[in-house]
């Protein structure tokens, strides 16, 4: 009697042919020799086995959505600040031109 048996998880059942003529193996799961004597899984373990991937996917999508919204918010805020600074610079340049014109009317030489 062999103490150590090799357990095959998958077995090849048949060769399926495609319409193109190539043969392809189909693999189906096979029950192990001791599958009936396995302990039943805990409800906690079953829960985590069932819902770990969906929860992780939802969390990753939530983080991605948050980062996308944050990036959009920062870009809009940056554009707003840039527009304010541009308007302030334009107003200061106009005021400077008026002051230069007043100084030239008064006979004061101003370097451009």
N, C-alpha and C. Protein backbone atom coordinates (compact mmCIF):
# COMPACT_ATOMS: atom_id res chain seq x y z
N UNK A 1 0.84 -1.18 0.00
CA UNK A 1 0.00 0.00 0.00
C UNK A 1 0.88 1.24 0.00
N UNK A 2 0.61 2.14 -0.91
CA UNK A 2 1.41 3.34 -1.04
C UNK A 2 0.93 4.38 -0.03
N UNK A 3 1.85 4.84 0.80
CA UNK A 3 1.50 5.79 1.84
C UNK A 3 1.24 7.18 1.24
N UNK A 4 2.00 7.56 0.24
CA UNK A 4 1.87 8.88 -0.36
C UNK A 4 1.27 8.73 -1.75
N UNK A 5 0.03 9.14 -1.89
CA UNK A 5 -0.62 9.08 -3.19
C UNK A 5 -0.50 10.43 -3.88
N UNK A 6 -0.36 10.40 -5.14
CA UNK A 6 -0.37 11.66 -5.87
C UNK A 6 -1.82 11.99 -6.20
N UNK A 7 -2.19 13.20 -5.92
CA UNK A 7 -3.57 13.63 -6.13
C UNK A 7 -3.60 14.49 -7.39
N UNK A 8 -4.43 14.13 -8.31
CA UNK A 8 -4.59 14.90 -9.53
C UNK A 8 -5.82 15.78 -9.38
N UNK A 9 -5.63 17.07 -9.50
CA UNK A 9 -6.75 18.00 -9.36
C UNK A 9 -7.56 18.04 -10.65
N UNK A 10 -6.88 18.01 -11.77
CA UNK A 10 -7.56 18.08 -13.05
C UNK A 10 -7.24 16.82 -13.86
N UNK A 11 -8.13 16.44 -14.71
CA UNK A 11 -7.85 15.33 -15.61
C UNK A 11 -8.31 15.71 -17.01
N UNK A 12 -7.63 15.17 -17.94
CA UNK A 12 -7.99 15.42 -19.33
C UNK A 12 -9.08 14.43 -19.70
N UNK A 13 -10.18 14.94 -20.20
CA UNK A 13 -11.31 14.05 -20.49
C UNK A 13 -11.41 13.70 -21.96
N UNK A 14 -11.22 14.67 -22.81
CA UNK A 14 -11.40 14.38 -24.23
C UNK A 14 -10.70 15.45 -25.04
N UNK A 15 -10.55 15.18 -26.31
CA UNK A 15 -10.02 16.17 -27.23
C UNK A 15 -11.19 16.75 -28.01
N UNK A 16 -11.34 18.04 -27.93
CA UNK A 16 -12.42 18.70 -28.66
C UNK A 16 -11.81 19.36 -29.89
N UNK A 17 -12.46 19.24 -31.01
CA UNK A 17 -11.94 19.86 -32.22
C UNK A 17 -12.72 21.12 -32.50
N UNK A 18 -11.97 22.13 -32.86
CA UNK A 18 -12.60 23.39 -33.24
C UNK A 18 -13.01 23.31 -34.71
N UNK A 19 -13.69 24.35 -35.14
CA UNK A 19 -14.11 24.38 -36.54
C UNK A 19 -12.89 24.52 -37.46
N UNK A 20 -11.79 25.05 -36.93
CA UNK A 20 -10.59 25.21 -37.75
C UNK A 20 -9.82 23.91 -37.89
N UNK A 21 -10.19 22.88 -37.13
CA UNK A 21 -9.55 21.59 -37.27
C UNK A 21 -8.50 21.30 -36.22
N UNK A 22 -8.13 22.28 -35.39
CA UNK A 22 -7.13 22.06 -34.36
C UNK A 22 -7.76 21.36 -33.17
N UNK A 23 -7.02 20.46 -32.58
CA UNK A 23 -7.52 19.74 -31.41
C UNK A 23 -7.18 20.52 -30.15
N UNK A 24 -8.09 20.50 -29.21
CA UNK A 24 -7.89 21.22 -27.95
C UNK A 24 -8.32 20.31 -26.82
N UNK A 25 -7.56 20.30 -25.77
CA UNK A 25 -7.92 19.47 -24.63
C UNK A 25 -8.88 20.22 -23.72
N UNK A 26 -9.86 19.54 -23.25
CA UNK A 26 -10.76 20.14 -22.27
C UNK A 26 -10.44 19.53 -20.92
N UNK A 27 -10.39 20.36 -19.92
CA UNK A 27 -10.00 19.93 -18.58
C UNK A 27 -11.17 20.13 -17.65
N UNK A 28 -11.46 19.12 -16.86
CA UNK A 28 -12.54 19.20 -15.89
C UNK A 28 -11.99 18.85 -14.52
N UNK A 29 -12.50 19.48 -13.47
CA UNK A 29 -12.02 19.16 -12.13
C UNK A 29 -12.38 17.73 -11.74
N UNK A 30 -11.51 17.12 -10.97
CA UNK A 30 -11.73 15.76 -10.51
C UNK A 30 -11.71 15.77 -9.00
N UNK A 31 -12.61 15.04 -8.40
CA UNK A 31 -12.64 14.98 -6.95
C UNK A 31 -11.43 14.20 -6.45
N UNK A 32 -10.89 14.66 -5.34
CA UNK A 32 -9.75 13.97 -4.74
C UNK A 32 -10.20 12.69 -4.06
N UNK A 33 -9.27 11.84 -3.73
CA UNK A 33 -9.60 10.56 -3.13
C UNK A 33 -10.12 10.70 -1.72
N UNK A 34 -9.81 11.83 -1.07
CA UNK A 34 -10.28 12.00 0.31
C UNK A 34 -11.25 13.18 0.43
N UNK A 35 -11.97 13.49 -0.63
CA UNK A 35 -12.85 14.66 -0.59
C UNK A 35 -14.02 14.47 0.36
N UNK A 36 -14.44 13.25 0.60
CA UNK A 36 -15.58 13.03 1.49
C UNK A 36 -15.18 13.15 2.96
N UNK A 37 -13.89 13.02 3.25
CA UNK A 37 -13.47 13.09 4.64
C UNK A 37 -12.95 14.47 5.03
N UNK A 38 -13.09 15.48 4.15
CA UNK A 38 -12.64 16.83 4.47
C UNK A 38 -13.57 17.46 5.49
N UNK A 39 -12.99 18.31 6.32
CA UNK A 39 -13.79 19.00 7.33
C UNK A 39 -14.64 20.07 6.65
N UNK A 40 -15.84 20.31 7.14
CA UNK A 40 -16.64 21.40 6.58
C UNK A 40 -15.97 22.74 6.92
N UNK A 41 -16.05 23.67 5.99
CA UNK A 41 -15.40 24.96 6.22
C UNK A 41 -16.22 25.81 7.16
N UNK A 42 -15.52 26.63 7.90
CA UNK A 42 -16.16 27.54 8.84
C UNK A 42 -16.96 28.59 8.07
N UNK A 43 -18.05 29.10 8.64
CA UNK A 43 -18.80 30.16 7.95
C UNK A 43 -17.95 31.41 7.72
N UNK A 44 -17.03 31.69 8.65
CA UNK A 44 -16.16 32.85 8.48
C UNK A 44 -15.24 32.67 7.29
N UNK A 45 -14.66 31.49 7.18
CA UNK A 45 -13.77 31.22 6.06
C UNK A 45 -14.56 31.22 4.76
N UNK A 46 -15.74 30.66 4.78
CA UNK A 46 -16.59 30.66 3.59
C UNK A 46 -16.94 32.07 3.15
N UNK A 47 -17.22 32.93 4.13
CA UNK A 47 -17.54 34.33 3.81
C UNK A 47 -16.36 35.00 3.13
N UNK A 48 -15.17 34.84 3.70
CA UNK A 48 -13.99 35.49 3.13
C UNK A 48 -13.63 34.90 1.77
N UNK A 49 -13.80 33.59 1.60
CA UNK A 49 -13.53 33.00 0.30
C UNK A 49 -14.50 33.52 -0.75
N UNK A 50 -15.73 33.76 -0.34
CA UNK A 50 -16.75 34.20 -1.28
C UNK A 50 -16.65 35.69 -1.60
N UNK A 51 -16.42 36.52 -0.59
CA UNK A 51 -16.56 37.96 -0.77
C UNK A 51 -15.26 38.75 -0.76
N UNK A 52 -14.10 38.13 -0.65
CA UNK A 52 -12.85 38.89 -0.62
C UNK A 52 -12.61 39.61 -1.94
N UNK A 53 -12.72 38.91 -3.05
CA UNK A 53 -12.47 39.54 -4.35
C UNK A 53 -13.47 40.65 -4.67
N UNK A 54 -14.78 40.45 -4.47
CA UNK A 54 -15.71 41.55 -4.76
C UNK A 54 -15.48 42.77 -3.87
N UNK A 55 -15.19 42.53 -2.60
CA UNK A 55 -14.95 43.66 -1.70
C UNK A 55 -13.68 44.39 -2.11
N UNK A 56 -12.64 43.65 -2.45
CA UNK A 56 -11.39 44.27 -2.90
C UNK A 56 -11.62 45.06 -4.18
N UNK A 57 -12.42 44.51 -5.09
CA UNK A 57 -12.70 45.21 -6.34
C UNK A 57 -13.45 46.51 -6.08
N UNK A 58 -14.44 46.46 -5.19
CA UNK A 58 -15.20 47.67 -4.86
C UNK A 58 -14.30 48.71 -4.21
N UNK A 59 -13.43 48.26 -3.31
CA UNK A 59 -12.52 49.20 -2.64
C UNK A 59 -11.57 49.84 -3.64
N UNK A 60 -11.02 49.05 -4.55
CA UNK A 60 -10.11 49.61 -5.55
C UNK A 60 -10.83 50.60 -6.47
N UNK A 61 -12.06 50.27 -6.85
CA UNK A 61 -12.82 51.20 -7.69
C UNK A 61 -13.15 52.48 -6.93
N UNK A 62 -13.42 52.36 -5.63
CA UNK A 62 -13.71 53.54 -4.82
C UNK A 62 -12.47 54.43 -4.72
N UNK A 63 -11.32 53.83 -4.51
CA UNK A 63 -10.07 54.61 -4.43
C UNK A 63 -9.79 55.27 -5.77
N UNK A 64 -9.98 54.53 -6.86
CA UNK A 64 -9.77 55.09 -8.19
C UNK A 64 -10.71 56.27 -8.44
N UNK A 65 -11.98 56.11 -8.08
CA UNK A 65 -12.96 57.18 -8.28
C UNK A 65 -12.60 58.40 -7.44
N UNK A 66 -12.19 58.17 -6.19
CA UNK A 66 -11.79 59.28 -5.33
C UNK A 66 -10.59 60.01 -5.93
N UNK A 67 -9.59 59.27 -6.38
CA UNK A 67 -8.41 59.91 -6.95
C UNK A 67 -8.76 60.69 -8.21
N UNK A 68 -9.64 60.16 -9.02
CA UNK A 68 -10.07 60.86 -10.23
C UNK A 68 -10.80 62.16 -9.88
N UNK A 69 -11.71 62.10 -8.91
CA UNK A 69 -12.43 63.30 -8.48
C UNK A 69 -11.48 64.31 -7.86
N UNK A 70 -10.51 63.84 -7.06
CA UNK A 70 -9.54 64.73 -6.43
C UNK A 70 -8.69 65.42 -7.50
N UNK A 71 -8.24 64.64 -8.50
CA UNK A 71 -7.44 65.22 -9.57
C UNK A 71 -8.23 66.30 -10.31
N UNK A 72 -9.50 66.02 -10.61
CA UNK A 72 -10.35 67.00 -11.30
C UNK A 72 -10.53 68.25 -10.45
N UNK A 73 -10.74 68.07 -9.15
CA UNK A 73 -10.91 69.21 -8.25
C UNK A 73 -9.65 70.07 -8.23
N UNK A 74 -8.50 69.45 -8.10
CA UNK A 74 -7.23 70.19 -8.05
C UNK A 74 -7.00 70.93 -9.37
N UNK A 75 -7.30 70.28 -10.49
CA UNK A 75 -7.12 70.93 -11.79
C UNK A 75 -8.03 72.15 -11.92
N UNK A 76 -9.29 72.01 -11.52
CA UNK A 76 -10.21 73.15 -11.59
C UNK A 76 -9.76 74.28 -10.67
N UNK A 77 -9.30 73.92 -9.48
CA UNK A 77 -8.83 74.95 -8.54
C UNK A 77 -7.59 75.66 -9.09
N UNK A 78 -6.69 74.89 -9.70
CA UNK A 78 -5.48 75.48 -10.28
C UNK A 78 -5.85 76.42 -11.42
N UNK A 79 -6.80 76.01 -12.27
CA UNK A 79 -7.25 76.87 -13.37
C UNK A 79 -7.89 78.15 -12.84
N UNK A 80 -8.66 78.03 -11.76
CA UNK A 80 -9.30 79.22 -11.17
C UNK A 80 -8.25 80.19 -10.62
N UNK A 81 -7.26 79.67 -9.92
CA UNK A 81 -6.21 80.52 -9.35
C UNK A 81 -5.42 81.19 -10.48
N UNK A 82 -5.14 80.42 -11.55
CA UNK A 82 -4.41 80.98 -12.68
C UNK A 82 -5.20 82.11 -13.33
N UNK A 83 -6.52 81.93 -13.47
CA UNK A 83 -7.36 82.97 -14.06
C UNK A 83 -7.38 84.22 -13.18
N UNK A 84 -7.44 84.03 -11.86
CA UNK A 84 -7.42 85.17 -10.94
C UNK A 84 -6.10 85.92 -11.04
N UNK A 85 -4.98 85.20 -11.07
CA UNK A 85 -3.67 85.84 -11.16
C UNK A 85 -3.52 86.57 -12.50
N UNK A 86 -4.01 85.96 -13.58
CA UNK A 86 -3.93 86.62 -14.89
C UNK A 86 -4.75 87.90 -14.90
N UNK A 87 -5.94 87.87 -14.31
CA UNK A 87 -6.78 89.07 -14.24
C UNK A 87 -6.11 90.14 -13.38
N UNK A 88 -5.49 89.74 -12.29
CA UNK A 88 -4.81 90.71 -11.42
C UNK A 88 -3.62 91.33 -12.15
N UNK A 89 -2.85 90.53 -12.88
CA UNK A 89 -1.71 91.05 -13.63
C UNK A 89 -2.19 92.02 -14.71
N UNK A 90 -3.27 91.67 -15.40
CA UNK A 90 -3.80 92.54 -16.44
C UNK A 90 -4.25 93.88 -15.84
N UNK A 91 -4.92 93.84 -14.69
CA UNK A 91 -5.37 95.07 -14.03
C UNK A 91 -4.18 95.92 -13.60
N UNK A 92 -3.14 95.30 -13.08
CA UNK A 92 -1.95 96.05 -12.65
C UNK A 92 -1.22 96.65 -13.85
N UNK A 93 -1.16 95.93 -14.98
CA UNK A 93 -0.53 96.48 -16.18
C UNK A 93 -1.30 97.69 -16.70
N UNK A 94 -2.63 97.61 -16.68
CA UNK A 94 -3.44 98.76 -17.12
C UNK A 94 -3.22 99.96 -16.20
N UNK A 95 -3.15 99.71 -14.90
CA UNK A 95 -2.90 100.79 -13.95
C UNK A 95 -1.52 101.39 -14.18
N UNK A 96 -0.54 100.55 -14.48
CA UNK A 96 0.81 101.04 -14.74
C UNK A 96 0.84 101.89 -16.00
N UNK A 97 0.13 101.47 -17.05
CA UNK A 97 0.07 102.26 -18.28
C UNK A 97 -0.57 103.63 -18.02
N UNK A 98 -1.61 103.67 -17.19
CA UNK A 98 -2.25 104.95 -16.86
C UNK A 98 -1.28 105.84 -16.09
N UNK A 99 -0.55 105.26 -15.15
CA UNK A 99 0.41 106.05 -14.38
C UNK A 99 1.55 106.56 -15.25
N UNK A 100 2.00 105.75 -16.20
CA UNK A 100 3.06 106.18 -17.12
C UNK A 100 2.55 107.32 -17.99
N UNK A 101 1.31 107.21 -18.46
CA UNK A 101 0.72 108.28 -19.28
C UNK A 101 0.60 109.57 -18.47
N UNK A 102 0.17 109.49 -17.20
CA UNK A 102 0.07 110.68 -16.34
C UNK A 102 1.45 111.28 -16.07
N UNK A 103 2.45 110.44 -15.88
CA UNK A 103 3.80 110.93 -15.62
C UNK A 103 4.36 111.63 -16.85
N UNK A 104 4.11 111.09 -18.04
CA UNK A 104 4.61 111.72 -19.26
C UNK A 104 3.90 113.05 -19.51
N UNK A 105 2.62 113.15 -19.15
CA UNK A 105 1.89 114.42 -19.30
C UNK A 105 2.45 115.46 -18.35
N UNK A 106 2.93 115.02 -17.19
CA UNK A 106 3.50 115.95 -16.21
C UNK A 106 4.95 116.28 -16.54
N UNK A 107 5.52 115.65 -17.54
CA UNK A 107 6.89 115.95 -17.96
C UNK A 107 7.93 115.10 -17.27
N UNK A 108 7.54 114.04 -16.67
CA UNK A 108 8.49 113.15 -15.99
C UNK A 108 8.84 112.02 -16.96
N UNK A 109 10.17 111.78 -17.10
CA UNK A 109 10.60 110.70 -17.98
C UNK A 109 10.53 109.38 -17.21
N UNK A 110 9.94 108.40 -17.88
CA UNK A 110 9.78 107.08 -17.26
C UNK A 110 10.44 106.05 -18.17
N UNK A 111 11.26 105.19 -17.58
CA UNK A 111 11.88 104.12 -18.37
C UNK A 111 10.86 103.00 -18.56
N UNK A 112 10.73 102.53 -19.79
CA UNK A 112 9.76 101.45 -20.03
C UNK A 112 10.22 100.10 -19.53
